[in-house]
Each structure stands twice: as structure tokens, then as C-alpha cells.
């Protein structure tokens, strides 16, 4: 099964919007956690997104792979940086992470193609 990460992230965003209407406090607090966890500190935003992508692969979350790949493209991450982070995910997650790492490469390329086309 091939995942279309642009469509997947759009669908998830739509569903998150519905959650926001029905559990606004939970979504507000989750968004606050996201902002706090993503804020630049000792680690820059790109490094944090590389970590998030690796964790998304290790826990087998297609939505995480999509959103973090998209963010990495916007942050200017190179394909080499993405691949190195995925190597750590595979090391930590074994064979299943290898399969999701392959999907993360596809997601990064899909979002890169869109970014290049609109630039």
C-alpha cells in the first residue's frame, strides 16, 4: 500500500479541526505542548523535527511521518540529514522501522516536489 502523504496530512488536519470543535481544551493544551516542545532552545527547530520524524518512524505513525517530513522540507533539511535521522530510527526500532523509514523517504520527496514546484 502506497501512502499519499499530502492527502493524508490534509485529511488528518480536517479531522483535527473537528476534534478542536468537540474537545477544544484538549486540543488547546496539545497545541501548547507542541509549541513548547518545538520552541528553539539548545536544539534548533530542524534538529527537533528530525528527532520527531525518527520517533514517528519508530512508532509507525504515518501521520507523524507526513507532518514532520513537511516541516523538515520547510526548514530546509537536506535529504542526507533526513536519511541520517532515519538511520537512528531504524537502529532503535529494527525491521518495522526500516519499512516506515522507506515511507518517510517517500513523504520527504513528495513534499519536496511540491515545494520545488511552488518556488
N, C-alpha and C. Protein backbone atom coordinates (compact mmCIF):
# COMPACT_ATOMS: atom_id res chain seq x y z
N UNK A 1 0.84 -1.18 0.00
CA UNK A 1 0.00 0.00 0.00
C UNK A 1 0.88 1.25 0.00
N UNK A 2 0.64 2.13 -0.94
CA UNK A 2 1.37 3.39 -1.01
C UNK A 2 0.56 4.47 -0.32
N UNK A 3 1.22 5.19 0.56
CA UNK A 3 0.56 6.28 1.27
C UNK A 3 0.81 7.58 0.51
N UNK A 4 -0.24 8.34 0.27
CA UNK A 4 -0.11 9.67 -0.31
C UNK A 4 -0.09 10.64 0.87
N UNK A 5 1.11 11.10 1.21
CA UNK A 5 1.29 11.85 2.44
C UNK A 5 0.64 13.23 2.41
N UNK A 6 0.57 13.87 1.25
CA UNK A 6 -0.10 15.17 1.18
C UNK A 6 -1.58 15.01 1.50
N UNK A 7 -2.21 14.02 0.88
CA UNK A 7 -3.64 13.77 1.15
C UNK A 7 -3.84 13.34 2.59
N UNK A 8 -2.98 12.47 3.08
CA UNK A 8 -3.09 12.00 4.46
C UNK A 8 -3.03 13.17 5.44
N UNK A 9 -2.06 14.07 5.27
CA UNK A 9 -1.94 15.19 6.21
C UNK A 9 -3.12 16.14 6.08
N UNK A 10 -3.65 16.31 4.86
CA UNK A 10 -4.83 17.16 4.68
C UNK A 10 -6.04 16.54 5.39
N UNK A 11 -6.21 15.23 5.22
CA UNK A 11 -7.33 14.54 5.87
C UNK A 11 -7.21 14.62 7.39
N UNK A 12 -6.00 14.39 7.90
CA UNK A 12 -5.81 14.46 9.35
C UNK A 12 -6.08 15.86 9.85
N UNK A 13 -5.61 16.87 9.13
CA UNK A 13 -5.86 18.26 9.55
C UNK A 13 -7.35 18.54 9.64
N UNK A 14 -8.10 18.04 8.68
CA UNK A 14 -9.55 18.22 8.70
C UNK A 14 -10.16 17.54 9.92
N UNK A 15 -9.70 16.33 10.20
CA UNK A 15 -10.21 15.60 11.36
C UNK A 15 -9.79 16.27 12.67
N UNK A 16 -8.60 16.85 12.69
CA UNK A 16 -8.17 17.56 13.90
C UNK A 16 -9.03 18.79 14.13
N UNK A 17 -9.46 19.42 13.05
CA UNK A 17 -10.35 20.57 13.16
C UNK A 17 -11.65 20.17 13.84
N UNK A 18 -12.17 19.02 13.46
CA UNK A 18 -13.39 18.52 14.10
C UNK A 18 -13.15 18.22 15.58
N UNK A 19 -12.01 17.63 15.88
CA UNK A 19 -11.69 17.39 17.29
C UNK A 19 -11.63 18.71 18.06
N UNK A 20 -11.06 19.73 17.42
CA UNK A 20 -10.97 21.04 18.07
C UNK A 20 -12.32 21.61 18.45
N UNK A 21 -13.33 21.30 17.65
CA UNK A 21 -14.68 21.78 17.95
C UNK A 21 -15.30 20.99 19.10
N UNK A 22 -14.94 19.73 19.23
CA UNK A 22 -15.58 18.87 20.21
C UNK A 22 -14.80 18.71 21.51
N UNK A 23 -13.51 18.85 21.44
CA UNK A 23 -12.68 18.80 22.67
C UNK A 23 -11.67 19.95 22.63
N UNK A 24 -12.20 21.17 22.68
CA UNK A 24 -11.34 22.34 22.49
C UNK A 24 -10.23 22.47 23.53
N UNK A 25 -10.50 22.14 24.76
CA UNK A 25 -9.48 22.30 25.79
C UNK A 25 -8.33 21.32 25.58
N UNK A 26 -8.65 20.09 25.20
CA UNK A 26 -7.62 19.10 24.94
C UNK A 26 -6.75 19.56 23.77
N UNK A 27 -7.39 20.03 22.69
CA UNK A 27 -6.64 20.48 21.53
C UNK A 27 -5.80 21.72 21.85
N UNK A 28 -6.36 22.62 22.64
CA UNK A 28 -5.62 23.82 23.04
C UNK A 28 -4.36 23.43 23.81
N UNK A 29 -4.50 22.51 24.74
CA UNK A 29 -3.35 22.08 25.55
C UNK A 29 -2.35 21.28 24.71
N UNK A 30 -2.85 20.46 23.79
CA UNK A 30 -1.94 19.73 22.91
C UNK A 30 -1.14 20.70 22.05
N UNK A 31 -1.81 21.71 21.50
CA UNK A 31 -1.12 22.72 20.69
C UNK A 31 -0.10 23.49 21.51
N UNK A 32 -0.42 23.76 22.78
CA UNK A 32 0.54 24.43 23.66
C UNK A 32 1.77 23.53 23.89
N UNK A 33 1.52 22.24 24.07
CA UNK A 33 2.62 21.29 24.25
C UNK A 33 3.48 21.25 22.99
N UNK A 34 2.83 21.26 21.83
CA UNK A 34 3.55 21.28 20.57
C UNK A 34 4.45 22.51 20.47
N UNK A 35 3.89 23.68 20.78
CA UNK A 35 4.69 24.91 20.71
C UNK A 35 5.86 24.87 21.69
N UNK A 36 5.61 24.39 22.89
CA UNK A 36 6.68 24.33 23.90
C UNK A 36 7.76 23.33 23.50
N UNK A 37 7.34 22.17 23.02
CA UNK A 37 8.31 21.15 22.63
C UNK A 37 9.10 21.51 21.39
N UNK A 38 8.51 22.32 20.52
CA UNK A 38 9.14 22.69 19.26
C UNK A 38 9.95 23.98 19.35
N UNK A 39 9.78 24.72 20.43
CA UNK A 39 10.45 26.01 20.56
C UNK A 39 11.97 25.84 20.52
N UNK A 40 12.61 26.78 19.86
CA UNK A 40 14.07 26.74 19.78
C UNK A 40 14.65 26.95 21.17
N UNK A 41 15.66 26.20 21.46
CA UNK A 41 16.39 26.29 22.72
C UNK A 41 17.81 25.89 22.40
N UNK A 42 18.33 24.95 23.16
CA UNK A 42 19.66 24.42 22.86
C UNK A 42 19.63 23.72 21.50
N UNK A 43 18.53 23.03 21.21
CA UNK A 43 18.34 22.39 19.92
C UNK A 43 17.53 23.31 19.01
N UNK A 44 17.93 23.41 17.75
CA UNK A 44 17.17 24.23 16.82
C UNK A 44 15.94 23.46 16.32
N UNK A 45 15.06 24.18 15.63
CA UNK A 45 13.80 23.60 15.16
C UNK A 45 14.03 22.42 14.23
N UNK A 46 15.01 22.52 13.35
CA UNK A 46 15.26 21.43 12.40
C UNK A 46 15.70 20.16 13.13
N UNK A 47 16.56 20.30 14.12
CA UNK A 47 17.01 19.13 14.89
C UNK A 47 15.83 18.49 15.60
N UNK A 48 14.97 19.30 16.16
CA UNK A 48 13.79 18.76 16.85
C UNK A 48 12.86 18.05 15.89
N UNK A 49 12.70 18.59 14.68
CA UNK A 49 11.87 17.92 13.68
C UNK A 49 12.50 16.61 13.20
N UNK A 50 13.81 16.57 13.08
CA UNK A 50 14.49 15.31 12.73
C UNK A 50 14.25 14.25 13.80
N UNK A 51 14.30 14.66 15.05
CA UNK A 51 14.02 13.74 16.16
C UNK A 51 12.56 13.27 16.07
N UNK A 52 11.66 14.21 15.82
CA UNK A 52 10.24 13.86 15.74
C UNK A 52 9.97 12.89 14.59
N UNK A 53 10.62 13.11 13.45
CA UNK A 53 10.45 12.20 12.33
C UNK A 53 10.95 10.80 12.70
N UNK A 54 12.11 10.74 13.33
CA UNK A 54 12.67 9.44 13.73
C UNK A 54 11.74 8.72 14.70
N UNK A 55 11.17 9.45 15.63
CA UNK A 55 10.23 8.84 16.57
C UNK A 55 8.97 8.39 15.84
N UNK A 56 8.47 9.21 14.91
CA UNK A 56 7.30 8.83 14.11
C UNK A 56 7.52 7.53 13.37
N UNK A 57 8.72 7.36 12.83
CA UNK A 57 9.07 6.11 12.14
C UNK A 57 9.09 4.96 13.15
N UNK A 58 9.76 5.17 14.28
CA UNK A 58 9.91 4.10 15.27
C UNK A 58 8.57 3.63 15.83
N UNK A 59 7.60 4.55 15.93
CA UNK A 59 6.29 4.17 16.47
C UNK A 59 5.27 3.88 15.36
N UNK A 60 5.74 3.92 14.10
CA UNK A 60 4.93 3.54 12.94
C UNK A 60 3.70 4.43 12.76
N UNK A 61 3.92 5.74 12.76
CA UNK A 61 2.83 6.72 12.65
C UNK A 61 2.94 7.44 11.31
N UNK A 62 2.10 7.04 10.34
CA UNK A 62 2.13 7.67 9.03
C UNK A 62 1.83 9.17 9.10
N UNK A 63 0.89 9.56 9.93
CA UNK A 63 0.58 10.98 10.07
C UNK A 63 1.78 11.76 10.58
N UNK A 64 2.48 11.20 11.57
CA UNK A 64 3.68 11.84 12.10
C UNK A 64 4.74 11.98 11.01
N UNK A 65 4.91 10.93 10.22
CA UNK A 65 5.87 10.96 9.13
C UNK A 65 5.51 12.09 8.15
N UNK A 66 4.24 12.18 7.82
CA UNK A 66 3.81 13.22 6.88
C UNK A 66 4.04 14.62 7.41
N UNK A 67 3.54 14.90 8.60
CA UNK A 67 3.65 16.26 9.14
C UNK A 67 5.10 16.67 9.39
N UNK A 68 5.91 15.75 9.91
CA UNK A 68 7.30 16.10 10.21
C UNK A 68 8.16 16.17 8.95
N UNK A 69 7.84 15.37 7.94
CA UNK A 69 8.55 15.49 6.66
C UNK A 69 8.24 16.84 6.01
N UNK A 70 6.98 17.22 6.05
CA UNK A 70 6.58 18.52 5.50
C UNK A 70 7.30 19.65 6.22
N UNK A 71 7.36 19.58 7.55
CA UNK A 71 8.05 20.61 8.33
C UNK A 71 9.54 20.64 8.00
N UNK A 72 10.14 19.48 7.81
CA UNK A 72 11.57 19.43 7.51
C UNK A 72 11.88 20.05 6.16
N UNK A 73 11.01 19.85 5.18
CA UNK A 73 11.20 20.50 3.88
C UNK A 73 11.17 22.01 4.06
N UNK A 74 10.18 22.50 4.81
CA UNK A 74 10.06 23.95 5.03
C UNK A 74 11.25 24.51 5.81
N UNK A 75 11.85 23.69 6.67
CA UNK A 75 13.01 24.14 7.45
C UNK A 75 14.32 23.99 6.70
N UNK A 76 14.26 23.46 5.49
CA UNK A 76 15.46 23.35 4.68
C UNK A 76 16.34 22.16 4.99
N UNK A 77 15.77 21.12 5.60
CA UNK A 77 16.57 19.92 5.89
C UNK A 77 16.98 19.27 4.58
N UNK A 78 18.19 18.77 4.57
CA UNK A 78 18.67 18.08 3.37
C UNK A 78 18.22 16.63 3.40
N UNK A 79 18.23 16.02 2.24
CA UNK A 79 17.90 14.60 2.16
C UNK A 79 18.89 13.79 3.00
N UNK A 80 20.15 14.20 3.01
CA UNK A 80 21.17 13.49 3.80
C UNK A 80 20.86 13.56 5.30
N UNK A 81 20.40 14.72 5.77
CA UNK A 81 20.04 14.85 7.19
C UNK A 81 18.86 13.96 7.52
N UNK A 82 17.86 13.94 6.64
CA UNK A 82 16.69 13.09 6.86
C UNK A 82 17.12 11.63 6.90
N UNK A 83 17.93 11.22 5.94
CA UNK A 83 18.38 9.82 5.90
C UNK A 83 19.16 9.44 7.15
N UNK A 84 20.02 10.33 7.64
CA UNK A 84 20.80 10.01 8.84
C UNK A 84 19.89 9.86 10.06
N UNK A 85 18.89 10.73 10.18
CA UNK A 85 17.93 10.61 11.29
C UNK A 85 17.16 9.30 11.17
N UNK A 86 16.81 8.91 9.94
CA UNK A 86 16.09 7.66 9.74
C UNK A 86 16.96 6.46 10.08
N UNK A 87 18.26 6.59 9.89
CA UNK A 87 19.17 5.52 10.30
C UNK A 87 19.11 5.28 11.80
N UNK A 88 19.00 6.34 12.57
CA UNK A 88 18.87 6.20 14.02
C UNK A 88 17.54 5.54 14.37
N UNK A 89 16.48 5.92 13.65
CA UNK A 89 15.16 5.31 13.89
C UNK A 89 15.19 3.82 13.61
N UNK A 90 15.85 3.43 12.54
CA UNK A 90 15.94 2.01 12.20
C UNK A 90 16.75 1.27 13.26
N UNK A 91 17.85 1.86 13.68
CA UNK A 91 18.67 1.26 14.74
C UNK A 91 17.83 1.03 16.00
N UNK A 92 17.02 2.02 16.36
CA UNK A 92 16.24 1.93 17.59
C UNK A 92 14.99 1.07 17.43
N UNK A 93 14.44 0.99 16.21
CA UNK A 93 13.17 0.30 16.03
C UNK A 93 13.23 -0.99 15.24
N UNK A 94 14.40 -1.36 14.72
CA UNK A 94 14.54 -2.61 14.00
C UNK A 94 13.82 -2.64 12.66
N UNK A 95 13.46 -3.84 12.22
CA UNK A 95 12.86 -4.06 10.91
C UNK A 95 11.62 -3.25 10.63
N UNK A 96 10.64 -3.18 11.56
CA UNK A 96 9.46 -2.37 11.28
C UNK A 96 9.82 -0.90 11.03
N UNK A 97 10.82 -0.38 11.74
CA UNK A 97 11.22 1.00 11.49
C UNK A 97 11.86 1.15 10.12
N UNK A 98 12.51 0.10 9.62
CA UNK A 98 13.09 0.16 8.27
C UNK A 98 11.98 0.37 7.24
N UNK A 99 10.86 -0.31 7.41
CA UNK A 99 9.75 -0.17 6.47
C UNK A 99 9.17 1.25 6.53
N UNK A 100 9.01 1.79 7.72
CA UNK A 100 8.49 3.14 7.86
C UNK A 100 9.51 4.18 7.45
N UNK A 101 10.80 3.89 7.60
CA UNK A 101 11.83 4.80 7.11
C UNK A 101 11.72 4.94 5.60
N UNK A 102 11.45 3.84 4.90
CA UNK A 102 11.25 3.90 3.45
C UNK A 102 10.05 4.79 3.12
N UNK A 103 8.99 4.70 3.91
CA UNK A 103 7.83 5.58 3.71
C UNK A 103 8.19 7.04 3.99
N UNK A 104 9.03 7.29 4.99
CA UNK A 104 9.44 8.66 5.31
C UNK A 104 10.23 9.28 4.17
N UNK A 105 11.05 8.48 3.49
CA UNK A 105 11.77 8.98 2.31
C UNK A 105 10.77 9.41 1.25
N UNK A 106 9.74 8.60 1.02
CA UNK A 106 8.71 8.93 0.04
C UNK A 106 7.98 10.21 0.44
N UNK A 107 7.68 10.37 1.71
CA UNK A 107 6.98 11.57 2.18
C UNK A 107 7.84 12.81 1.97
N UNK A 108 9.11 12.73 2.33
CA UNK A 108 10.02 13.86 2.16
C UNK A 108 10.10 14.25 0.69
N UNK A 109 10.23 13.26 -0.19
CA UNK A 109 10.32 13.54 -1.63
C UNK A 109 9.02 14.13 -2.16
N UNK A 110 7.89 13.64 -1.68
CA UNK A 110 6.59 14.14 -2.12
C UNK A 110 6.44 15.61 -1.76
N UNK A 111 6.77 15.98 -0.53
CA UNK A 111 6.66 17.36 -0.11
C UNK A 111 7.73 18.23 -0.77
N UNK A 112 8.92 17.68 -1.02
CA UNK A 112 9.98 18.42 -1.71
C UNK A 112 9.55 18.78 -3.11
N UNK A 113 8.91 17.86 -3.80
CA UNK A 113 8.46 18.11 -5.17
C UNK A 113 7.44 19.25 -5.20
N UNK A 114 6.57 19.29 -4.23
CA UNK A 114 5.57 20.35 -4.15
C UNK A 114 6.24 21.68 -3.86
N UNK A 115 7.18 21.69 -2.93
CA UNK A 115 7.89 22.91 -2.53
C UNK A 115 8.68 23.46 -3.72
N UNK A 116 9.34 22.58 -4.45
CA UNK A 116 10.13 22.99 -5.62
C UNK A 116 9.21 23.54 -6.71
N UNK A 117 8.05 22.93 -6.88
CA UNK A 117 7.11 23.36 -7.93
C UNK A 117 6.53 24.74 -7.63
N UNK A 118 6.37 25.07 -6.33
CA UNK A 118 5.77 26.35 -5.95
C UNK A 118 6.80 27.45 -5.75
N UNK A 119 8.07 27.09 -5.74
CA UNK A 119 9.13 28.09 -5.50
C UNK A 119 9.43 28.91 -6.73
